[in-house]
N, C-alpha and C. Protein backbone atom coordinates (compact mmCIF):
# COMPACT_ATOMS: atom_id res chain seq x y z
N MET A 1 14.86 10.60 -0.46
CA MET A 1 13.81 10.34 0.82
C MET A 1 14.17 9.28 1.91
N ASN A 2 14.51 9.15 2.49
CA ASN A 2 14.20 7.69 2.93
C ASN A 2 12.76 7.08 3.15
N THR A 3 12.95 5.90 3.52
CA THR A 3 11.44 5.15 3.69
C THR A 3 10.49 6.36 4.26
N ASP A 4 11.47 5.85 5.78
CA ASP A 4 10.54 6.53 7.11
C ASP A 4 9.84 7.74 6.39
N ILE A 5 10.49 8.50 5.98
CA ILE A 5 9.57 9.72 5.60
C ILE A 5 8.84 9.86 4.54
N VAL A 6 9.15 9.32 3.80
CA VAL A 6 7.63 8.39 3.03
C VAL A 6 6.96 7.63 3.46
N THR A 7 7.03 7.15 4.12
CA THR A 7 5.70 6.49 4.70
C THR A 7 5.15 7.75 5.76
N GLU A 8 5.70 8.18 6.18
CA GLU A 8 4.89 9.13 7.19
C GLU A 8 3.98 9.92 6.58
N LYS A 9 5.13 10.84 5.14
CA LYS A 9 4.14 11.20 4.06
C LYS A 9 2.71 10.92 3.27
N ILE A 10 2.91 9.67 3.25
CA ILE A 10 1.75 8.57 2.91
C ILE A 10 0.35 8.29 3.66
N ILE A 11 1.47 8.06 4.99
CA ILE A 11 0.03 7.72 5.80
C ILE A 11 -0.56 9.45 6.11
N GLY A 12 0.41 10.55 6.41
CA GLY A 12 -0.56 11.48 6.71
C GLY A 12 -1.17 12.07 4.94
N CYS A 13 -1.17 11.72 4.02
CA CYS A 13 -1.75 11.73 2.73
C CYS A 13 -3.19 10.90 2.85
N ALA A 14 -2.98 9.90 3.74
CA ALA A 14 -3.81 8.95 3.53
C ALA A 14 -4.61 9.32 4.36
N TYR A 15 -4.29 9.74 5.91
CA TYR A 15 -5.18 10.15 6.64
C TYR A 15 -6.72 11.42 5.97
N THR A 16 -5.86 12.13 5.37
CA THR A 16 -6.80 13.22 4.55
C THR A 16 -7.29 12.95 3.75
N VAL A 17 -7.08 11.92 3.18
CA VAL A 17 -8.51 11.11 1.80
C VAL A 17 -9.67 10.49 2.73
N SER A 18 -9.04 10.24 3.57
CA SER A 18 -9.88 9.34 4.84
C SER A 18 -11.67 10.19 5.61
N ASN A 19 -10.41 11.45 6.11
CA ASN A 19 -11.03 12.45 6.96
C ASN A 19 -12.03 13.19 5.69
N THR A 20 -10.92 13.23 4.65
CA THR A 20 -12.47 14.16 3.55
C THR A 20 -13.74 13.27 3.17
N LEU A 21 -13.15 12.02 2.94
CA LEU A 21 -14.37 11.26 2.38
C LEU A 21 -15.27 10.77 3.31
N GLY A 22 -14.47 10.32 4.45
CA GLY A 22 -14.97 9.45 5.75
C GLY A 22 -15.41 7.78 4.90
N VAL A 23 -16.15 6.90 5.10
CA VAL A 23 -16.78 5.74 4.78
C VAL A 23 -17.25 5.48 3.90
N GLY A 24 -17.25 3.64 3.26
CA GLY A 24 -18.43 3.92 1.76
C GLY A 24 -18.21 3.73 1.00
N PHE A 25 -17.39 4.42 0.13
CA PHE A 25 -16.72 4.11 -1.28
C PHE A 25 -15.83 3.13 -1.48
N LEU A 26 -15.92 3.05 -3.18
CA LEU A 26 -15.58 1.47 -3.39
C LEU A 26 -13.70 2.04 -2.94
N GLU A 27 -13.01 0.84 -3.26
CA GLU A 27 -11.70 0.91 -2.95
C GLU A 27 -10.54 1.76 -4.49
N LYS A 28 -11.08 2.08 -5.16
CA LYS A 28 -10.33 2.58 -6.78
C LYS A 28 -11.43 4.15 -5.99
N VAL A 29 -11.84 4.50 -5.98
CA VAL A 29 -12.48 5.72 -5.14
C VAL A 29 -11.53 6.59 -4.52
N TYR A 30 -10.99 5.24 -3.02
CA TYR A 30 -10.11 6.46 -2.48
C TYR A 30 -8.53 5.65 -3.15
N GLU A 31 -8.38 5.12 -3.94
CA GLU A 31 -6.89 4.97 -4.82
C GLU A 31 -6.67 6.43 -5.24
N ASN A 32 -7.71 6.61 -6.18
CA ASN A 32 -7.87 8.22 -7.47
C ASN A 32 -7.76 9.49 -6.22
N ALA A 33 -8.02 8.89 -5.06
CA ALA A 33 -7.47 10.36 -4.17
C ALA A 33 -6.41 11.12 -3.66
N LEU A 34 -6.58 9.16 -2.86
CA LEU A 34 -4.95 9.31 -2.37
C LEU A 34 -3.36 9.35 -3.37
N LEU A 35 -4.49 9.51 -4.69
CA LEU A 35 -3.69 9.75 -5.72
C LEU A 35 -2.92 11.06 -6.04
N ILE A 36 -4.29 11.87 -6.09
CA ILE A 36 -4.37 13.63 -6.09
C ILE A 36 -3.12 13.76 -4.90
N GLU A 37 -3.68 13.18 -3.64
CA GLU A 37 -2.66 13.78 -2.85
C GLU A 37 -1.27 13.88 -2.30
N LEU A 38 -1.36 12.57 -2.69
CA LEU A 38 0.44 12.08 -3.45
C LEU A 38 1.10 12.87 -4.08
N GLU A 39 0.24 13.49 -4.77
CA GLU A 39 1.08 14.03 -6.17
C GLU A 39 1.17 15.56 -5.44
N LYS A 40 0.39 16.02 -4.66
CA LYS A 40 -0.14 17.09 -4.01
C LYS A 40 1.47 17.57 -3.27
N HIS A 41 1.99 15.96 -2.29
CA HIS A 41 3.02 15.97 -2.08
C HIS A 41 4.68 16.44 -2.55
N GLY A 42 4.10 16.46 -3.56
CA GLY A 42 5.16 15.87 -4.41
C GLY A 42 5.19 14.55 -4.54
N LEU A 43 5.27 13.71 -3.87
CA LEU A 43 5.86 11.78 -4.16
C LEU A 43 5.44 11.49 -5.24
N LYS A 44 6.47 10.77 -5.97
CA LYS A 44 6.44 10.13 -7.25
C LYS A 44 5.73 8.86 -7.56
N THR A 45 4.57 8.95 -8.01
CA THR A 45 3.89 7.34 -7.53
C THR A 45 3.39 6.88 -8.90
N LYS A 46 3.50 5.27 -8.87
CA LYS A 46 3.11 4.78 -10.21
C LYS A 46 1.25 3.87 -9.31
N ASN A 47 0.50 4.05 -10.08
CA ASN A 47 -0.31 3.07 -9.64
C ASN A 47 -1.01 1.86 -10.70
N GLN A 48 -1.66 1.47 -9.80
CA GLN A 48 -2.01 -0.25 -10.78
C GLN A 48 -0.78 -0.91 -11.50
N LYS A 49 0.65 -1.26 -11.22
CA LYS A 49 1.93 -1.80 -11.77
C LYS A 49 1.82 -2.30 -11.22
N ALA A 50 2.07 -3.15 -13.18
CA ALA A 50 1.94 -4.57 -13.71
C ALA A 50 2.89 -5.19 -12.48
N LEU A 51 3.54 -6.62 -12.05
CA LEU A 51 4.46 -7.09 -11.40
C LEU A 51 4.23 -8.93 -11.22
N SER A 52 5.09 -9.40 -12.08
CA SER A 52 5.67 -10.90 -13.07
C SER A 52 5.99 -11.67 -11.35
N VAL A 53 6.06 -12.64 -11.22
CA VAL A 53 6.88 -13.75 -10.57
C VAL A 53 7.38 -14.90 -10.85
N PHE A 54 8.33 -14.49 -10.77
CA PHE A 54 9.31 -16.00 -11.72
C PHE A 54 9.36 -17.37 -10.96
N TYR A 55 9.58 -17.73 -11.71
CA TYR A 55 10.07 -19.21 -11.18
C TYR A 55 10.80 -20.43 -12.33
N ALA A 56 11.79 -20.38 -11.76
CA ALA A 56 13.18 -21.29 -12.79
C ALA A 56 12.96 -20.12 -13.72
N GLY A 57 13.56 -18.96 -13.98
CA GLY A 57 13.54 -17.71 -15.07
C GLY A 57 11.98 -17.55 -15.77
N GLN A 58 10.75 -18.86 -15.38
CA GLN A 58 9.35 -18.45 -16.04
C GLN A 58 8.26 -17.42 -15.83
N VAL A 59 7.77 -16.44 -16.05
CA VAL A 59 6.40 -15.71 -15.35
C VAL A 59 5.56 -16.82 -15.03
N VAL A 60 5.01 -16.99 -13.84
CA VAL A 60 4.17 -17.95 -13.75
C VAL A 60 3.39 -17.34 -12.49
N GLY A 61 3.04 -16.72 -12.52
CA GLY A 61 2.03 -15.41 -12.54
C GLY A 61 2.41 -13.81 -12.33
N GLU A 62 1.57 -13.14 -12.62
CA GLU A 62 0.62 -11.71 -12.77
C GLU A 62 0.07 -10.85 -11.59
N TYR A 63 0.22 -10.37 -11.41
CA TYR A 63 -0.34 -9.02 -9.66
C TYR A 63 -0.37 -7.77 -10.28
N VAL A 64 -1.15 -6.95 -9.42
CA VAL A 64 -1.35 -5.90 -9.85
C VAL A 64 -1.22 -5.03 -8.38
N ALA A 65 0.07 -3.90 -8.27
CA ALA A 65 0.38 -3.65 -7.27
C ALA A 65 -0.26 -2.37 -7.46
N ASP A 66 -1.14 -1.53 -5.77
CA ASP A 66 -2.24 -0.51 -6.04
C ASP A 66 -1.29 0.70 -6.00
N LEU A 67 -0.39 0.83 -5.24
CA LEU A 67 0.29 2.14 -5.76
C LEU A 67 1.96 1.38 -5.47
N ILE A 68 3.06 2.00 -5.93
CA ILE A 68 4.33 2.11 -5.51
C ILE A 68 4.84 3.77 -5.24
N ILE A 69 5.48 4.36 -4.51
CA ILE A 69 5.80 4.90 -4.23
C ILE A 69 7.11 5.80 -3.77
N GLU A 70 7.44 6.27 -4.76
CA GLU A 70 8.60 6.43 -4.40
C GLU A 70 9.48 5.76 -4.73
N GLU A 71 9.81 4.60 -4.96
CA GLU A 71 10.00 3.51 -5.85
C GLU A 71 11.30 2.97 -4.01
N LYS A 72 9.69 2.88 -3.30
CA LYS A 72 10.41 2.23 -2.16
C LYS A 72 9.41 2.03 -0.94
N VAL A 73 8.26 2.06 -1.48
CA VAL A 73 6.73 1.96 -0.46
C VAL A 73 5.58 1.47 -1.58
N VAL A 74 5.95 0.13 -1.25
CA VAL A 74 4.35 -0.80 -2.03
C VAL A 74 2.85 -0.29 -1.16
N VAL A 75 1.71 0.02 -1.53
CA VAL A 75 0.96 0.60 -0.39
C VAL A 75 -0.12 -0.29 -1.38
N GLU A 76 -1.05 -1.28 -0.50
CA GLU A 76 -2.16 -1.91 -0.79
C GLU A 76 -3.09 -1.48 -0.08
N LEU A 77 -4.16 -0.93 -0.66
CA LEU A 77 -5.42 -0.37 -0.43
C LEU A 77 -6.71 -0.80 -0.09
N LYS A 78 -7.58 -0.86 1.11
CA LYS A 78 -8.56 -2.32 0.99
C LYS A 78 -10.00 -1.31 1.70
N ALA A 79 -10.97 -1.65 1.33
CA ALA A 79 -12.14 -1.54 1.84
C ALA A 79 -12.69 -2.00 2.15
N VAL A 80 -12.30 -2.33 3.52
CA VAL A 80 -13.11 -3.79 4.05
C VAL A 80 -13.35 -3.30 5.81
N LYS A 81 -14.30 -4.33 6.15
CA LYS A 81 -14.50 -3.81 7.71
C LYS A 81 -13.55 -4.29 8.77
N SER A 82 -12.22 -4.70 8.61
CA SER A 82 -11.22 -5.44 8.83
C SER A 82 -9.90 -5.80 7.86
N PHE A 83 -8.70 -6.02 8.19
CA PHE A 83 -7.88 -6.42 7.69
C PHE A 83 -7.84 -8.10 8.13
N GLN A 84 -7.44 -8.99 7.21
CA GLN A 84 -7.11 -10.59 7.30
C GLN A 84 -6.35 -10.70 6.71
N PRO A 85 -5.59 -11.47 7.00
CA PRO A 85 -4.27 -12.23 6.76
C PRO A 85 -4.21 -12.64 6.01
N ILE A 86 -5.14 -13.16 4.07
CA ILE A 86 -4.93 -13.20 3.51
C ILE A 86 -5.02 -11.67 2.87
N HIS A 87 -5.00 -10.20 3.60
CA HIS A 87 -4.25 -9.16 3.00
C HIS A 87 -2.67 -8.68 3.37
N GLN A 88 -2.95 -9.11 4.12
CA GLN A 88 -0.98 -9.38 4.62
C GLN A 88 -0.48 -10.29 3.74
N ALA A 89 -0.51 -11.17 3.20
CA ALA A 89 0.07 -11.87 2.94
C ALA A 89 -0.10 -11.66 1.41
N GLN A 90 -1.30 -10.96 0.91
CA GLN A 90 -0.69 -9.71 -0.63
C GLN A 90 0.30 -9.15 -0.56
N LEU A 91 0.36 -8.36 0.42
CA LEU A 91 1.45 -7.35 0.92
C LEU A 91 2.76 -7.98 1.00
N LEU A 92 2.99 -9.30 1.64
CA LEU A 92 4.07 -9.85 0.98
C LEU A 92 4.96 -9.87 0.06
N ASN A 93 3.82 -10.46 -0.99
CA ASN A 93 3.96 -11.07 -1.90
C ASN A 93 4.46 -10.23 -3.13
N TYR A 94 3.65 -8.97 -3.42
CA TYR A 94 4.51 -7.91 -3.83
C TYR A 94 5.66 -7.14 -3.45
N LEU A 95 5.87 -7.35 -1.95
CA LEU A 95 7.25 -7.03 -1.58
C LEU A 95 7.96 -8.12 -1.98
N LYS A 96 7.90 -9.21 -1.75
CA LYS A 96 9.16 -9.83 -2.52
C LYS A 96 9.05 -9.82 -4.57
N ALA A 97 7.89 -9.35 -4.70
CA ALA A 97 8.10 -9.69 -5.95
C ALA A 97 8.24 -8.19 -6.69
N THR A 98 8.87 -7.48 -6.01
CA THR A 98 9.14 -6.18 -6.46
C THR A 98 10.79 -5.83 -5.86
N GLY A 99 11.34 -6.37 -4.73
CA GLY A 99 12.14 -6.25 -4.29
C GLY A 99 11.82 -5.17 -3.16
N ILE A 100 10.94 -4.31 -2.98
CA ILE A 100 10.70 -3.55 -2.28
C ILE A 100 10.95 -3.65 -0.23
N HIS A 101 11.05 -2.89 0.49
CA HIS A 101 10.97 -3.74 1.49
C HIS A 101 10.01 -3.50 2.24
N THR A 102 9.46 -2.42 2.38
CA THR A 102 8.21 -1.28 3.13
C THR A 102 7.27 -1.41 2.62
N GLY A 103 6.47 -1.56 2.88
CA GLY A 103 4.82 -1.39 2.58
C GLY A 103 3.74 -1.33 3.53
N LEU A 104 2.75 -0.95 3.02
CA LEU A 104 1.74 -0.37 3.77
C LEU A 104 0.34 -0.30 3.37
N LEU A 105 -0.40 -1.36 4.08
CA LEU A 105 -2.08 -1.70 3.80
C LEU A 105 -2.46 -0.55 4.74
N LEU A 106 -3.36 0.03 4.40
CA LEU A 106 -3.93 0.99 4.18
C LEU A 106 -5.49 0.51 3.67
N ASN A 107 -6.42 1.21 5.10
CA ASN A 107 -8.10 0.34 5.10
C ASN A 107 -8.58 1.61 5.30
N PHE A 108 -9.69 1.97 3.91
CA PHE A 108 -10.50 3.13 4.67
C PHE A 108 -11.81 2.78 4.87
N GLY A 109 -12.28 1.37 5.03
CA GLY A 109 -13.85 0.83 5.23
C GLY A 109 -14.08 0.71 6.31
N THR A 110 -13.72 1.40 7.42
CA THR A 110 -13.34 1.61 8.88
C THR A 110 -13.95 2.71 8.96
N SER A 111 -14.37 3.17 10.13
CA SER A 111 -14.65 5.03 10.45
C SER A 111 -12.70 5.69 10.63
N ARG A 112 -12.23 5.16 11.08
CA ARG A 112 -11.20 5.08 11.51
C ARG A 112 -9.91 4.15 10.51
N LEU A 113 -9.33 5.08 9.91
CA LEU A 113 -8.45 4.44 8.48
C LEU A 113 -7.50 3.48 9.82
N GLY A 114 -7.53 2.23 8.97
CA GLY A 114 -6.44 1.24 9.33
C GLY A 114 -5.07 1.33 8.80
N ILE A 115 -4.12 1.01 9.27
CA ILE A 115 -2.49 1.04 8.77
C ILE A 115 -2.16 0.04 9.27
N LYS A 116 -1.64 -0.33 8.42
CA LYS A 116 -0.07 -1.96 8.98
C LYS A 116 1.03 -2.16 8.01
N ARG A 117 1.56 -1.61 8.53
CA ARG A 117 3.39 -1.70 8.30
C ARG A 117 3.94 -3.30 7.78
N MET A 118 4.44 -3.42 6.76
CA MET A 118 5.45 -4.35 6.91
C MET A 118 6.61 -3.80 6.42
N VAL A 119 7.62 -4.58 6.86
CA VAL A 119 9.34 -4.62 6.56
C VAL A 119 9.54 -5.90 6.16
N LEU A 120 10.19 -6.36 5.17
CA LEU A 120 10.78 -7.54 4.61
C LEU A 120 12.16 -7.30 4.93
N GLY A 121 12.92 -8.37 5.59
CA GLY A 121 14.01 -8.22 5.87
C GLY A 121 14.21 -9.70 6.66
N ASN A 122 15.47 -10.21 6.99
CA ASN A 122 15.81 -11.72 7.64
C ASN A 122 14.09 -11.99 8.11
N LYS A 123 13.47 -11.09 9.05
CA LYS A 123 12.59 -10.97 10.27
C LYS A 123 11.65 -10.34 9.39
N LEU A 124 9.93 -10.74 8.89
CA LEU A 124 8.75 -9.82 8.90
C LEU A 124 8.70 -8.72 9.70
N ALA A 125 8.44 -7.72 9.74
CA ALA A 125 8.01 -6.78 11.05
C ALA A 125 6.60 -6.82 10.33
N THR A 126 5.57 -6.06 11.21
CA THR A 126 4.72 -5.23 11.39
C THR A 126 4.18 -4.62 12.14
N ASP A 127 4.15 -3.25 12.13
CA ASP A 127 3.28 -2.65 13.13
C ASP A 127 2.03 -2.64 12.21
N GLU A 128 0.79 -2.38 13.43
CA GLU A 128 -0.89 -2.08 12.83
C GLU A 128 -0.93 -0.57 14.08
N HIS A 129 -1.71 0.50 13.35
CA HIS A 129 -2.07 1.51 14.30
C HIS A 129 -3.56 1.31 13.63
N ARG A 130 -4.63 2.09 14.34
CA ARG A 130 -5.50 1.84 14.12
C ARG A 130 -6.42 3.30 15.10
């Protein structure tokens, strides 16, 4: 399955969760609900995936990515009033640490699902939908 199809399915599942649950829950609630939706749609999902950052062959940091879908897309969930630059930096670091080129920031903290797609390549590309 190509990355565009995977991201399209993830976004569709996120809309279903957002429309069903609305605003006001903690991030973990949205993560658990999204896992259920993604599995219903047959997507292979890893949640709370530990990531190591290496420098000079040694681990210098540990992070945890919310979701990795089909080994093609890193998904970072938020339940905040708005995306902040630190959220984009966090996802960018997860992309670098995993070697995965496509990431989605999903914000369930507003009345309308916030979506930011980031693609790691020669030049970082971002698309924001609200």
